[in-house]
Amino acid sequence: MAERSTAAVDVADNSGDDPLTAQADTAATDGVAEERKTAEEPAGAPEQKAVERKNGEQPSITAPELHSGHKLARRYRLEECVTRLDGFSSWRAVDEKLRRAVGVHLLPADHPRARSVLAAARSAALLGDPRFVQVLDAVEENDLVYVVHEWLPDTTELTALLADGPLQAHDAYQLVTQVSQAMAAAHREGLAHLRLTPSAILRSSTGQYRIRGLAVNAALRGITADRPQRTDTEAIGALLYAALTQRWPYESDAYGLSGLPKGVGLIPPDQVRAGVHRGLSELAVRALANDGATASRQEPPCTTPDELAKAVAAMPRVKPPEPEFQAPAEYQRTTYQQGTYGRPQPRPMPTQVIPVPPAPLESRTGRALKWAVGALLIAALGLGSWQIADRLLVPEPKDEAPIVQPPVDEKPEPPKPLSIRTAQEYAPDGSPQNLNGVASTYDDDTSTYWRTKSFYDGPTLAPFKKGVGIVYDLGKEEEITSATIDLYYGGDHTTASLYVADSVNPTASIASMKEIATAKTTKNALQMDLQNPIKARYVLVWLTELPYSGDGYTPGYKQAVTNVTFMGSKPINR
């Protein structure tokens, strides 16, 4: 069997006396709890050394004795403890200021890992990547250190997904694509996860994957690694392996999955389960195994998330399965006689033969009457024919109005999405927010965004700033019927307006533009429907009110636009 990376198997030294927890039982349904309270961390899993137990020492610090209803900073009310381990505890809580659920990690300020946990949380908060569960606050207060993060009840944990069976090839492809790209971006900022397990991966109802615990989960447990990029890459390979086979790619059982048979080494996924996508099977082996194991396949190993993301991009895209067509139920034809359906039919009566008397001989007077009637009919037909011919030969008066046919009731074409050629951030005061992020608002990728700066006062930006926004160029004049603006932050409310501009000039006066729609929302999307379609080429999306967000070290009023879509219709030629 080819050897695995040292960082991935060195956790076995302490697994016997440290039952590191996995996902809490409640997380199987709501996808938000951090760890289970009973399961041991499997030896051979893609994790790192727990360095807090050097020379066999055991930590003596216990988790703070808090209870449900306790408030932190007079704002975060603790609701339910989901983990208590190694001197720290994790809770489901409520942010009473913003009226939303959050997660909280708690540990004493004198805990040996308190400083590293604060540093990891603050670094993760500065990343601000929506593909990760966001750190909202990191505070040391009253002899406590606590980290507040997002709580996502509308997502499902990968552990729960795998309990139902292996994922389809397209779902596994999306998993490795999104997770490898997200971790490549994190490593470019100097951040590692080091605990990428199935309980750290969440999938939303739209198929988007979110990663929780970036840097923080490892810091809470004192986990480090000599080669963090290799460790995270191997962990992604293990996730892909589990998604394809519903088996854990090591000899020990873990996360509700059976391990591989002992002594046989790393078996490619397509040899474990029939029907596994061969390209994805190859990727899993390249991420998990070292040079010796991949030499026989003539493919280099993937040792960093960036290399793995490039390998995924280089393979043919895995298409989603075709929807199954269900034939309609066979139509049952029912025959019935009109007026008698559902009524009892009378029994037929026996037929009685009635003798018909012979016709009497026609008299002479009758024959004369018949000839008279025939002559009258012939005369009437001749007179009518002459009147019709006379009417047809008379010319039609010229002053009569022509007959106009009623117009055909034509239906307009359904709205269609309009393409965006380019865009420019609009900053008439000369102070732009995020020039490099503008293109991310029309790339059809909800994981990328354009984000504003944080403002201390709000939600209305005026008078110190009139607003923030982006001007879009549709390439040519189009008839616009509506616009949809997908937002990253929910919160109190967001207000935006649409203006028709003359160009993409970032400093043009807004007084010279025409406002065509405005809308307000407390959710993550703005829908603007125009009362009457309008023709325009340049459209300004102008945000004037932003919600409050307390994430990381930049709390304040801000918003991020993930995607903008304009809809239009083709006018009818009358």
Protein backbone atom coordinates (compact mmCIF):
# COMPACT_ATOMS: atom_id res chain seq x y z
CA MET A 1 0.00 0.00 0.00
CA ALA A 2 1.35 3.40 -0.90
CA GLU A 3 2.15 5.60 2.09
CA ARG A 4 -0.15 8.53 2.92
CA SER A 5 1.12 11.99 3.79
CA THR A 6 2.60 12.21 7.28
CA ALA A 7 0.37 15.09 8.34
CA ALA A 8 -2.73 13.06 7.54
CA VAL A 9 -2.02 10.04 9.76
CA ASP A 10 -0.16 11.56 12.71
CA VAL A 11 -3.34 12.14 14.71
CA ALA A 12 -3.42 8.54 15.93
CA ASP A 13 -0.99 9.29 18.76
CA ASN A 14 -3.70 11.03 20.79
CA SER A 15 -6.93 9.56 19.47
CA GLY A 16 -7.13 7.06 22.29
CA ASP A 17 -7.30 9.62 25.06
CA ASP A 18 -8.93 12.47 23.18
CA PRO A 19 -12.40 11.64 21.81
CA LEU A 20 -12.54 14.58 19.44
CA THR A 21 -16.13 15.13 18.58
CA ALA A 22 -17.94 15.02 15.29
CA GLN A 23 -21.22 16.66 14.33
CA ALA A 24 -23.93 17.03 16.98
CA ASP A 25 -26.96 14.82 16.45
CA THR A 26 -29.13 17.85 15.86
CA ALA A 27 -26.98 18.91 12.93
CA ALA A 28 -28.17 16.00 10.81
CA THR A 29 -31.41 17.86 10.36
CA ASP A 30 -30.50 21.53 10.44
CA GLY A 31 -26.88 21.43 9.23
CA VAL A 32 -25.53 23.92 11.74
CA ALA A 33 -24.10 22.26 14.89
CA GLU A 34 -20.31 22.06 14.94
CA GLU A 35 -19.53 18.64 16.44
CA ARG A 36 -21.03 15.45 17.77
CA LYS A 37 -20.58 14.71 21.43
CA THR A 38 -19.61 11.03 21.41
CA ALA A 39 -17.83 9.70 18.32
CA GLU A 40 -14.05 9.30 18.45
CA GLU A 41 -11.88 10.91 15.82
CA PRO A 42 -10.74 8.04 13.56
CA ALA A 43 -7.08 7.21 13.28
CA GLY A 44 -5.79 7.78 9.79
CA ALA A 45 -8.26 10.56 8.99
CA PRO A 46 -6.91 13.56 7.03
CA GLU A 47 -6.16 15.64 10.16
CA GLN A 48 -3.07 16.95 11.93
CA LYS A 49 -1.29 16.68 15.27
CA ALA A 50 -3.07 17.94 18.34
CA VAL A 51 -0.10 19.84 19.67
CA GLU A 52 -1.66 20.85 22.97
CA ARG A 53 -0.70 17.49 24.51
CA LYS A 54 3.04 17.60 24.23
CA ASN A 55 4.93 15.15 26.51
CA GLY A 56 1.66 13.41 27.44
CA GLU A 57 0.22 16.41 29.32
CA GLN A 58 -3.55 16.71 29.57
CA PRO A 59 -5.28 20.11 29.60
CA SER A 60 -6.79 20.90 32.96
CA ILE A 61 -9.04 23.79 31.87
CA THR A 62 -12.74 23.05 31.75
CA ALA A 63 -15.36 24.70 29.56
CA PRO A 64 -17.02 27.76 31.14
CA GLU A 65 -20.11 26.81 33.11
CA LEU A 66 -22.77 28.78 31.29
CA HIS A 67 -26.43 28.05 30.84
CA SER A 68 -29.23 28.69 28.37
CA GLY A 69 -30.42 32.27 28.58
CA HIS A 70 -26.99 33.74 29.42
CA LYS A 71 -26.20 36.87 27.38
CA LEU A 72 -22.88 37.93 25.94
CA ALA A 73 -22.27 41.64 25.33
CA ARG A 74 -25.96 42.16 26.23
CA ARG A 75 -26.72 40.92 22.73
CA TYR A 76 -26.03 37.21 22.12
CA ARG A 77 -28.42 34.99 24.11
CA LEU A 78 -27.24 31.39 24.48
CA GLU A 79 -29.91 28.83 23.57
CA GLU A 80 -28.44 25.31 23.34
CA CYS A 81 -25.00 23.82 23.97
CA VAL A 82 -24.00 21.55 21.07
CA THR A 83 -20.37 20.79 22.04
CA ARG A 84 -18.38 20.77 25.29
CA LEU A 85 -14.78 19.62 24.84
CA ASP A 86 -11.19 20.42 25.90
CA GLY A 87 -12.11 23.54 27.84
CA PHE A 88 -14.33 25.14 25.18
CA SER A 89 -18.01 24.89 24.36
CA SER A 90 -20.09 25.64 21.26
CA TRP A 91 -23.62 27.02 21.37
CA ARG A 92 -26.60 27.86 19.26
CA ALA A 93 -27.53 31.43 20.17
CA VAL A 94 -29.71 34.37 19.12
CA ASP A 95 -28.45 37.80 18.13
CA GLU A 96 -31.18 39.88 19.76
CA LYS A 97 -30.07 43.06 18.01
CA LEU A 98 -30.47 41.69 14.49
CA ARG A 99 -33.03 39.02 15.45
CA ARG A 100 -31.26 36.10 13.86
CA ALA A 101 -29.71 32.78 14.93
CA VAL A 102 -25.91 32.60 15.31
CA GLY A 103 -23.34 30.09 16.52
CA VAL A 104 -20.93 30.87 19.37
CA HIS A 105 -17.63 29.24 20.47
CA LEU A 106 -16.72 29.99 24.12
CA LEU A 107 -13.51 29.40 26.09
CA PRO A 108 -11.81 31.00 29.12
CA ALA A 109 -9.49 33.91 28.42
CA ASP A 110 -6.65 32.07 30.21
CA HIS A 111 -7.06 28.97 28.02
CA PRO A 112 -3.72 28.11 26.35
CA ARG A 113 -5.38 28.31 22.93
CA ALA A 114 -7.41 31.48 23.52
CA ARG A 115 -4.90 33.76 21.73
CA SER A 116 -4.64 31.49 18.69
CA VAL A 117 -8.44 31.15 18.47
CA LEU A 118 -8.89 34.93 18.47
CA ALA A 119 -6.19 35.36 15.82
CA ALA A 120 -7.68 32.62 13.61
CA ALA A 121 -11.21 34.04 13.90
CA ARG A 122 -10.10 37.56 13.06
CA SER A 123 -8.10 36.36 10.05
CA ALA A 124 -11.05 34.31 8.77
CA ALA A 125 -13.39 37.30 9.22
CA LEU A 126 -11.16 39.48 7.05
CA LEU A 127 -11.40 36.98 4.17
CA GLY A 128 -15.09 37.79 3.64
CA ASP A 129 -15.59 35.00 1.09
CA PRO A 130 -19.29 33.96 0.93
CA ARG A 131 -18.28 30.36 0.20
CA PHE A 132 -17.28 30.09 3.86
CA VAL A 133 -19.54 30.35 6.90
CA GLN A 134 -18.72 33.89 8.01
CA VAL A 135 -17.17 34.86 11.35
CA LEU A 136 -19.31 37.72 12.64
CA ASP A 137 -17.49 38.69 15.83
CA ALA A 138 -14.40 37.73 17.87
CA VAL A 139 -14.24 39.25 21.35
CA GLU A 140 -12.39 38.92 24.68
CA GLU A 141 -14.67 40.09 27.49
CA ASN A 142 -15.12 39.34 31.22
CA ASP A 143 -12.49 36.58 31.31
CA LEU A 144 -14.13 34.94 28.29
CA VAL A 145 -13.15 34.63 24.66
CA TYR A 146 -16.02 34.03 22.25
CA VAL A 147 -16.29 33.72 18.48
CA VAL A 148 -19.65 34.39 16.79
CA HIS A 149 -20.36 32.88 13.37
CA GLU A 150 -23.26 32.41 10.95
CA TRP A 151 -25.92 29.79 11.69
CA LEU A 152 -27.43 28.29 8.53
CA PRO A 153 -30.53 26.19 9.33
CA ASP A 154 -31.55 25.94 5.66
CA THR A 155 -28.48 23.89 4.73
CA THR A 156 -27.77 20.16 4.97
CA GLU A 157 -24.54 18.70 6.29
CA LEU A 158 -22.57 16.38 4.01
CA THR A 159 -22.69 13.76 6.78
CA ALA A 160 -26.49 13.65 6.48
CA LEU A 161 -26.34 13.55 2.67
CA LEU A 162 -23.96 10.58 2.69
CA ALA A 163 -26.16 8.73 5.18
CA ASP A 164 -28.72 8.38 2.37
CA GLY A 165 -26.16 6.96 -0.08
CA PRO A 166 -23.41 8.14 -2.45
CA LEU A 167 -23.93 11.35 -4.37
CA GLN A 168 -24.67 11.45 -8.07
CA ALA A 169 -21.71 12.18 -10.33
CA HIS A 170 -22.86 15.76 -10.99
CA ASP A 171 -23.30 16.49 -7.25
CA ALA A 172 -19.84 15.04 -6.48
CA TYR A 173 -18.38 17.14 -9.31
CA GLN A 174 -19.96 20.29 -7.87
CA LEU A 175 -18.63 19.38 -4.41
CA VAL A 176 -14.99 19.00 -5.45
CA THR A 177 -15.19 22.01 -7.78
CA GLN A 178 -16.60 24.45 -5.24
CA VAL A 179 -14.61 23.24 -2.22
CA SER A 180 -11.25 23.14 -4.06
CA GLN A 181 -11.78 26.62 -5.53
CA ALA A 182 -12.79 28.04 -2.14
CA MET A 183 -9.81 26.51 -0.35
CA ALA A 184 -7.44 27.68 -3.09
CA ALA A 185 -8.69 31.23 -2.48
CA ALA A 186 -8.22 30.82 1.29
CA HIS A 187 -4.66 29.54 0.95
CA ARG A 188 -3.78 32.47 -1.28
CA GLU A 189 -4.65 34.64 1.74
CA GLY A 190 -2.54 32.47 4.05
CA LEU A 191 -5.49 30.64 5.66
CA ALA A 192 -5.82 26.86 6.10
CA HIS A 193 -8.70 24.78 7.40
CA LEU A 194 -6.96 21.61 8.68
CA ARG A 195 -10.29 19.98 9.68
CA LEU A 196 -12.13 19.47 6.39
CA THR A 197 -14.44 16.65 7.42
CA PRO A 198 -17.97 15.84 6.17
CA SER A 199 -19.37 17.78 9.15
CA ALA A 200 -17.59 20.94 7.92
CA ILE A 201 -19.34 20.94 4.52
CA LEU A 202 -22.88 22.28 4.16
CA ARG A 203 -25.07 22.23 1.02
CA SER A 204 -27.86 24.72 0.46
CA SER A 205 -31.15 23.95 -1.27
CA THR A 206 -29.76 25.55 -4.45
CA GLY A 207 -26.76 23.19 -4.58
CA GLN A 208 -24.19 25.70 -3.26
CA TYR A 209 -21.61 24.32 -0.83
CA ARG A 210 -20.50 26.30 2.24
CA ILE A 211 -17.42 25.52 4.36
CA ARG A 212 -17.50 26.24 8.08
CA GLY A 213 -14.75 26.44 10.67
CA LEU A 214 -12.00 27.91 8.45
CA ALA A 215 -8.89 28.16 10.70
CA VAL A 216 -11.09 28.38 13.82
CA ASN A 217 -11.92 24.66 14.23
CA ALA A 218 -8.24 23.73 14.09
CA ALA A 219 -7.28 26.52 16.50
CA LEU A 220 -9.89 25.38 19.02
CA ARG A 221 -8.22 21.96 19.10
CA GLY A 222 -4.62 23.09 18.79
CA ILE A 223 -4.16 21.40 15.41
CA THR A 224 -1.24 22.39 13.21
CA ALA A 225 0.39 20.94 10.11
CA ASP A 226 3.81 21.14 8.48
CA ARG A 227 2.23 21.19 5.01
CA PRO A 228 -1.22 22.76 5.39
CA GLN A 229 -1.94 22.90 1.65
CA ARG A 230 -1.19 19.18 1.24
CA THR A 231 -3.32 18.40 4.30
CA ASP A 232 -6.36 20.32 3.01
CA THR A 233 -5.95 18.82 -0.46
CA GLU A 234 -5.91 15.29 0.93
CA ALA A 235 -9.00 16.13 3.00
CA ILE A 236 -10.85 17.29 -0.15
CA GLY A 237 -9.84 14.03 -1.82
CA ALA A 238 -11.31 12.11 1.12
CA LEU A 239 -14.57 14.06 0.82
CA LEU A 240 -14.76 13.29 -2.91
CA TYR A 241 -13.98 9.61 -2.25
CA ALA A 242 -16.77 9.41 0.33
CA ALA A 243 -19.21 11.21 -1.99
CA LEU A 244 -18.54 8.69 -4.79
CA THR A 245 -18.53 5.47 -2.75
CA GLN A 246 -20.18 6.16 0.64
CA ARG A 247 -16.96 4.74 2.14
CA TRP A 248 -14.21 6.48 4.13
CA PRO A 249 -10.85 6.10 2.27
CA TYR A 250 -8.98 4.83 5.36
CA GLU A 251 -9.09 1.60 7.31
CA SER A 252 -11.02 3.06 10.27
CA ASP A 253 -14.74 3.79 10.18
CA ALA A 254 -15.57 7.49 10.55
CA TYR A 255 -18.48 9.95 10.24
CA GLY A 256 -20.99 7.13 9.91
CA LEU A 257 -19.09 5.62 6.95
CA SER A 258 -17.36 2.25 6.75
CA GLY A 259 -13.62 2.26 6.14
CA LEU A 260 -11.70 0.28 3.54
CA PRO A 261 -10.65 -3.33 4.21
CA LYS A 262 -7.44 -3.51 6.22
CA GLY A 263 -4.20 -4.29 4.44
CA VAL A 264 -5.39 -3.67 0.86
CA GLY A 265 -4.28 -0.06 0.51
CA LEU A 266 -6.04 2.74 -1.34
CA ILE A 267 -8.58 1.25 -3.76
CA PRO A 268 -9.76 3.63 -6.52
CA PRO A 269 -13.44 4.55 -6.13
CA ASP A 270 -14.39 3.03 -9.49
CA GLN A 271 -13.16 -0.34 -8.13
CA VAL A 272 -15.14 0.00 -4.90
CA ARG A 273 -18.51 0.73 -6.46
CA ALA A 274 -19.83 0.06 -9.94
CA GLY A 275 -20.84 3.01 -12.08
CA VAL A 276 -18.50 5.58 -10.48
CA HIS A 277 -17.41 8.37 -12.83
CA ARG A 278 -13.88 7.44 -13.90
CA GLY A 279 -12.57 10.99 -14.13
CA LEU A 280 -13.77 11.84 -10.61
CA SER A 281 -12.32 8.55 -9.33
CA GLU A 282 -8.95 9.55 -10.79
CA LEU A 283 -9.14 12.97 -9.10
CA ALA A 284 -9.84 11.42 -5.70
CA VAL A 285 -6.77 9.17 -5.97
CA ARG A 286 -4.55 12.05 -7.15
CA ALA A 287 -5.57 14.11 -4.13
CA LEU A 288 -5.24 11.25 -1.63
CA ALA A 289 -2.16 9.28 -2.72
CA ASN A 290 1.53 10.17 -3.06
CA ASP A 291 3.80 9.96 -6.10
CA GLY A 292 4.26 6.20 -5.91
CA ALA A 293 0.55 5.47 -5.97
CA THR A 294 -0.16 7.69 -8.95
CA ALA A 295 2.85 6.77 -11.06
CA SER A 296 1.06 3.71 -12.40
CA ARG A 297 -1.74 5.93 -13.69
CA GLN A 298 0.67 8.37 -15.34
CA GLU A 299 -0.98 11.31 -13.60
CA PRO A 300 0.84 13.65 -11.19
CA PRO A 301 -0.58 14.00 -7.67
CA CYS A 302 -2.47 17.10 -6.58
CA THR A 303 -0.64 18.56 -3.59
CA THR A 304 -2.43 21.93 -3.25
CA PRO A 305 -6.07 22.99 -3.55
CA ASP A 306 -5.13 25.19 -6.50
CA GLU A 307 -3.65 22.20 -8.37
CA LEU A 308 -6.77 20.19 -7.60
CA ALA A 309 -9.05 23.01 -8.79
CA LYS A 310 -7.09 23.23 -12.06
CA ALA A 311 -7.30 19.45 -12.52
CA VAL A 312 -11.08 19.60 -12.07
CA ALA A 313 -11.34 22.46 -14.58
CA ALA A 314 -9.27 20.50 -17.12
CA MET A 315 -11.57 17.47 -17.14
CA PRO A 316 -14.82 17.38 -19.16
CA ARG A 317 -17.69 18.93 -17.26
CA VAL A 318 -20.05 16.43 -15.66
CA LYS A 319 -23.58 17.26 -16.75
CA PRO A 320 -26.59 16.88 -14.45
CA PRO A 321 -28.78 13.83 -15.06
CA GLU A 322 -31.64 14.17 -17.48
CA PRO A 323 -35.02 14.52 -15.75
CA GLU A 324 -37.04 11.35 -15.83
CA PHE A 325 -40.13 11.54 -18.05
CA GLN A 326 -43.22 9.91 -16.64
CA ALA A 327 -45.79 8.85 -19.20
CA PRO A 328 -49.29 10.12 -18.44
CA ALA A 329 -51.86 7.62 -17.25
CA GLU A 330 -53.77 5.89 -20.01
CA TYR A 331 -56.99 7.71 -20.83
CA GLN A 332 -60.07 5.70 -19.92
CA ARG A 333 -62.69 6.32 -22.58
CA THR A 334 -66.28 6.20 -21.37
CA THR A 335 -69.11 5.86 -23.85
CA TYR A 336 -72.64 6.87 -23.04
CA GLN A 337 -75.77 8.11 -24.77
CA GLN A 338 -76.60 11.75 -24.26
CA GLY A 339 -79.52 12.28 -21.91
CA THR A 340 -79.48 8.71 -20.55
CA TYR A 341 -76.04 8.56 -18.74
CA GLY A 342 -76.48 7.24 -15.25
CA ARG A 343 -80.18 6.48 -15.70
CA PRO A 344 -81.71 3.02 -15.79
CA GLN A 345 -82.70 2.09 -19.31
CA PRO A 346 -86.27 0.88 -19.91
CA ARG A 347 -86.63 -2.67 -21.06
CA PRO A 348 -87.47 -2.93 -24.79
CA MET A 349 -91.08 -3.63 -25.57
CA PRO A 350 -91.98 -6.37 -28.00
CA THR A 351 -92.45 -5.11 -31.53
CA GLN A 352 -96.04 -5.22 -32.85
CA VAL A 353 -96.56 -5.36 -36.60
CA ILE A 354 -99.20 -2.87 -37.71
CA PRO A 355 -100.62 -3.46 -41.19
CA VAL A 356 -100.34 -0.44 -43.49
CA PRO A 357 -103.25 0.10 -45.82
CA PRO A 358 -102.44 0.56 -49.52
CA ALA A 359 -102.17 4.14 -50.81
CA PRO A 360 -105.38 5.36 -52.46
CA LEU A 361 -105.44 6.12 -56.14
CA GLU A 362 -104.56 9.73 -56.89
CA SER A 363 -107.57 11.71 -58.14
CA ARG A 364 -107.63 14.07 -61.15
CA THR A 365 -108.10 17.15 -58.89
CA GLY A 366 -104.96 16.25 -56.92
CA ARG A 367 -102.85 16.01 -60.07
CA ALA A 368 -104.04 19.48 -61.23
CA LEU A 369 -103.18 21.00 -57.84
CA LYS A 370 -99.65 19.50 -57.96
CA TRP A 371 -98.98 21.04 -61.40
CA ALA A 372 -100.17 24.45 -60.21
CA VAL A 373 -97.90 24.47 -57.20
CA GLY A 374 -94.91 23.44 -59.35
CA ALA A 375 -95.53 26.30 -61.79
CA LEU A 376 -95.67 28.84 -58.99
CA LEU A 377 -92.34 27.62 -57.57
CA ILE A 378 -90.64 27.90 -60.97
CA ALA A 379 -91.90 31.48 -61.40
CA ALA A 380 -90.71 32.47 -57.93
CA LEU A 381 -87.22 31.07 -58.59
CA GLY A 382 -86.95 32.96 -61.87
CA LEU A 383 -87.94 36.28 -60.28
CA GLY A 384 -85.41 35.83 -57.47
CA SER A 385 -82.59 35.04 -59.88
CA TRP A 386 -83.33 38.17 -61.93
CA GLN A 387 -83.21 40.42 -58.80
CA ILE A 388 -79.89 38.94 -57.67
CA ALA A 389 -78.29 39.46 -61.10
CA ASP A 390 -79.55 43.05 -61.24
CA ARG A 391 -77.96 43.81 -57.82
CA LEU A 392 -74.61 42.32 -58.81
CA LEU A 393 -74.43 44.41 -62.01
CA VAL A 394 -75.04 47.74 -60.20
CA PRO A 395 -71.65 49.44 -59.40
CA GLU A 396 -70.82 49.98 -55.68
CA PRO A 397 -70.89 53.64 -54.57
CA LYS A 398 -67.38 55.11 -54.27
CA ASP A 399 -68.02 57.14 -51.12
CA GLU A 400 -68.68 54.10 -48.93
CA ALA A 401 -65.99 53.35 -46.35
CA PRO A 402 -63.95 50.19 -46.96
CA ILE A 403 -64.54 47.24 -44.69
CA VAL A 404 -61.79 47.05 -42.06
CA GLN A 405 -60.94 43.65 -40.67
CA PRO A 406 -60.52 43.58 -36.88
CA PRO A 407 -56.89 43.30 -35.76
CA VAL A 408 -55.53 39.94 -34.78
CA ASP A 409 -54.99 39.63 -31.03
CA GLU A 410 -51.22 39.16 -30.92
CA LYS A 411 -49.49 38.08 -27.68
CA PRO A 412 -46.15 39.60 -26.68
CA GLU A 413 -43.13 37.39 -26.38
CA PRO A 414 -42.25 36.31 -22.81
CA PRO A 415 -39.47 38.31 -21.07
CA LYS A 416 -35.93 37.19 -21.78
CA PRO A 417 -32.66 37.91 -19.92
CA LEU A 418 -30.61 40.67 -21.52
CA SER A 419 -26.87 40.31 -21.92
CA ILE A 420 -24.55 42.79 -20.23
CA ARG A 421 -21.53 43.89 -22.25
CA THR A 422 -19.63 45.75 -19.52
CA ALA A 423 -20.13 47.73 -16.33
CA GLN A 424 -18.45 50.54 -14.37
CA GLU A 425 -18.76 51.50 -10.71
CA TYR A 426 -20.61 54.79 -10.40
CA ALA A 427 -18.92 57.16 -7.92
CA PRO A 428 -19.83 60.79 -8.62
CA ASP A 429 -17.97 61.89 -5.45
CA GLY A 430 -14.74 60.29 -6.72
CA SER A 431 -14.67 57.68 -3.91
CA PRO A 432 -15.37 54.21 -5.41
CA GLN A 433 -16.13 51.19 -3.23
CA ASN A 434 -14.67 48.16 -5.03
CA LEU A 435 -13.56 48.70 -8.63
CA ASN A 436 -12.20 45.16 -9.06
CA GLY A 437 -15.42 43.48 -8.02
CA VAL A 438 -17.79 45.01 -10.60
CA ALA A 439 -17.42 42.16 -13.13
CA SER A 440 -18.49 39.67 -10.46
CA THR A 441 -22.04 41.08 -10.52
CA TYR A 442 -22.87 39.76 -14.01
CA ASP A 443 -20.80 36.54 -14.27
CA ASP A 444 -23.78 34.28 -13.31
CA ASP A 445 -21.76 33.06 -10.30
CA THR A 446 -23.47 33.73 -6.98
CA SER A 447 -20.27 32.92 -5.06
CA THR A 448 -18.57 36.09 -6.37
CA TYR A 449 -19.67 39.60 -5.50
CA TRP A 450 -19.05 43.35 -5.44
CA ARG A 451 -19.05 44.61 -1.86
CA THR A 452 -19.35 48.13 -0.50
CA LYS A 453 -17.28 49.54 2.32
CA SER A 454 -18.66 49.56 5.88
CA PHE A 455 -20.36 52.76 7.06
CA TYR A 456 -20.78 53.75 10.68
CA ASP A 457 -24.13 55.49 10.17
CA GLY A 458 -27.14 54.01 8.46
CA PRO A 459 -29.14 52.49 7.05
CA THR A 460 -29.62 55.67 4.97
CA LEU A 461 -26.26 56.71 3.51
CA ALA A 462 -27.25 60.36 2.99
CA PRO A 463 -26.22 63.04 3.71
CA PHE A 464 -22.56 62.05 3.99
CA LYS A 465 -22.86 59.86 0.87
CA LYS A 466 -25.71 59.99 -1.61
CA GLY A 467 -25.40 56.33 -2.53
CA VAL A 468 -23.28 53.64 -4.16
CA GLY A 469 -23.87 51.76 -7.38
CA ILE A 470 -22.88 50.38 -10.78
CA VAL A 471 -23.74 51.47 -14.35
CA TYR A 472 -24.36 48.58 -16.79
CA ASP A 473 -23.93 48.70 -20.58
CA LEU A 474 -26.32 46.34 -22.42
CA GLY A 475 -24.41 46.80 -25.70
CA LYS A 476 -27.38 48.29 -27.53
CA GLU A 477 -30.74 49.84 -26.78
CA GLU A 478 -33.03 47.18 -25.32
CA GLU A 479 -36.59 47.21 -24.04
CA ILE A 480 -36.32 46.58 -20.27
CA THR A 481 -39.25 45.16 -18.31
CA SER A 482 -37.70 44.21 -14.95
CA ALA A 483 -34.46 43.73 -12.99
CA THR A 484 -33.38 41.28 -10.29
CA ILE A 485 -30.53 42.18 -7.90
CA ASP A 486 -29.18 39.29 -5.82
CA LEU A 487 -27.66 40.46 -2.52
CA TYR A 488 -25.33 38.82 -0.01
CA TYR A 489 -26.52 40.50 3.19
CA GLY A 490 -30.11 40.43 4.46
CA GLY A 491 -30.77 42.32 7.68
CA ASP A 492 -32.80 45.43 8.37
CA HIS A 493 -33.44 46.52 4.80
CA THR A 494 -31.82 47.46 1.51
CA THR A 495 -33.17 50.16 -0.82
CA ALA A 496 -32.14 50.49 -4.47
CA SER A 497 -33.29 52.38 -7.55
CA LEU A 498 -32.86 52.01 -11.32
CA TYR A 499 -31.88 54.97 -13.49
CA VAL A 500 -31.51 55.33 -17.24
CA ALA A 501 -28.06 56.83 -17.93
CA ASP A 502 -26.46 58.29 -21.04
CA SER A 503 -23.17 56.38 -20.69
CA VAL A 504 -21.02 54.46 -18.21
CA ASN A 505 -19.37 57.69 -17.06
CA PRO A 506 -18.58 57.05 -13.34
CA THR A 507 -18.84 60.74 -12.42
CA ALA A 508 -21.91 61.84 -14.39
CA SER A 509 -24.54 63.77 -12.46
CA ILE A 510 -27.43 61.64 -11.28
CA ALA A 511 -29.70 64.66 -11.81
CA SER A 512 -29.30 64.11 -15.56
CA MET A 513 -30.63 60.55 -15.32
CA LYS A 514 -34.22 59.28 -15.26
CA GLU A 515 -35.40 57.10 -12.38
CA ILE A 516 -37.50 54.18 -13.65
CA ALA A 517 -37.95 51.91 -10.60
CA THR A 518 -37.24 51.61 -6.88
CA ALA A 519 -37.62 48.79 -4.36
CA LYS A 520 -36.87 47.88 -0.75
CA THR A 521 -36.22 44.44 0.80
CA THR A 522 -35.12 42.73 4.01
CA LYS A 523 -34.12 39.57 2.15
CA ASN A 524 -31.26 38.63 -0.17
CA ALA A 525 -32.82 39.76 -3.44
CA LEU A 526 -34.45 42.85 -4.93
CA GLN A 527 -37.12 42.45 -7.63
CA MET A 528 -37.95 45.55 -9.67
CA ASP A 529 -40.83 45.32 -12.16
CA LEU A 530 -41.37 48.35 -14.41
CA GLN A 531 -44.96 49.47 -14.88
CA ASN A 532 -44.20 50.21 -18.53
CA PRO A 533 -41.25 48.78 -20.50
CA ILE A 534 -38.59 51.36 -21.33
CA LYS A 535 -35.88 51.37 -23.96
CA ALA A 536 -32.36 51.99 -22.69
CA ARG A 537 -28.77 50.91 -23.17
CA TYR A 538 -27.17 52.19 -19.94
CA VAL A 539 -28.80 51.36 -16.59
CA LEU A 540 -27.62 52.48 -13.14
CA VAL A 541 -28.27 50.31 -10.06
CA TRP A 542 -28.13 52.81 -7.18
CA LEU A 543 -28.13 51.68 -3.51
CA THR A 544 -29.19 54.32 -0.99
CA GLU A 545 -29.93 52.26 2.15
CA LEU A 546 -27.77 49.36 3.41
CA PRO A 547 -28.36 46.75 6.16
CA TYR A 548 -26.20 46.40 9.26
CA SER A 549 -23.72 43.51 9.48
CA GLY A 550 -21.36 42.84 12.40
CA ASP A 551 -18.98 40.41 10.69
CA GLY A 552 -15.35 40.49 11.77
CA TYR A 553 -13.50 43.77 12.41
CA THR A 554 -15.54 45.76 9.93
CA PRO A 555 -19.01 45.94 11.47
CA GLY A 556 -21.30 48.53 10.02
CA TYR A 557 -23.83 49.21 7.30
CA LYS A 558 -22.83 47.53 4.04
CA GLN A 559 -24.08 45.36 1.18
CA ALA A 560 -22.67 43.04 -1.47
CA VAL A 561 -24.20 42.43 -4.91
CA THR A 562 -23.69 38.87 -6.17
CA ASN A 563 -25.61 39.01 -9.44
CA VAL A 564 -27.68 41.48 -11.53
CA THR A 565 -30.15 40.33 -14.21
CA PHE A 566 -32.14 42.57 -16.56
CA MET A 567 -35.19 41.16 -18.35
CA GLY A 568 -36.59 42.50 -21.60
CA SER A 569 -39.16 41.77 -24.30
CA LYS A 570 -39.24 42.23 -28.03
CA PRO A 571 -41.89 44.79 -29.10
CA ILE A 572 -44.76 43.62 -31.36
CA ASN A 573 -44.86 45.00 -34.92
CA ARG A 574 -48.36 46.43 -35.43
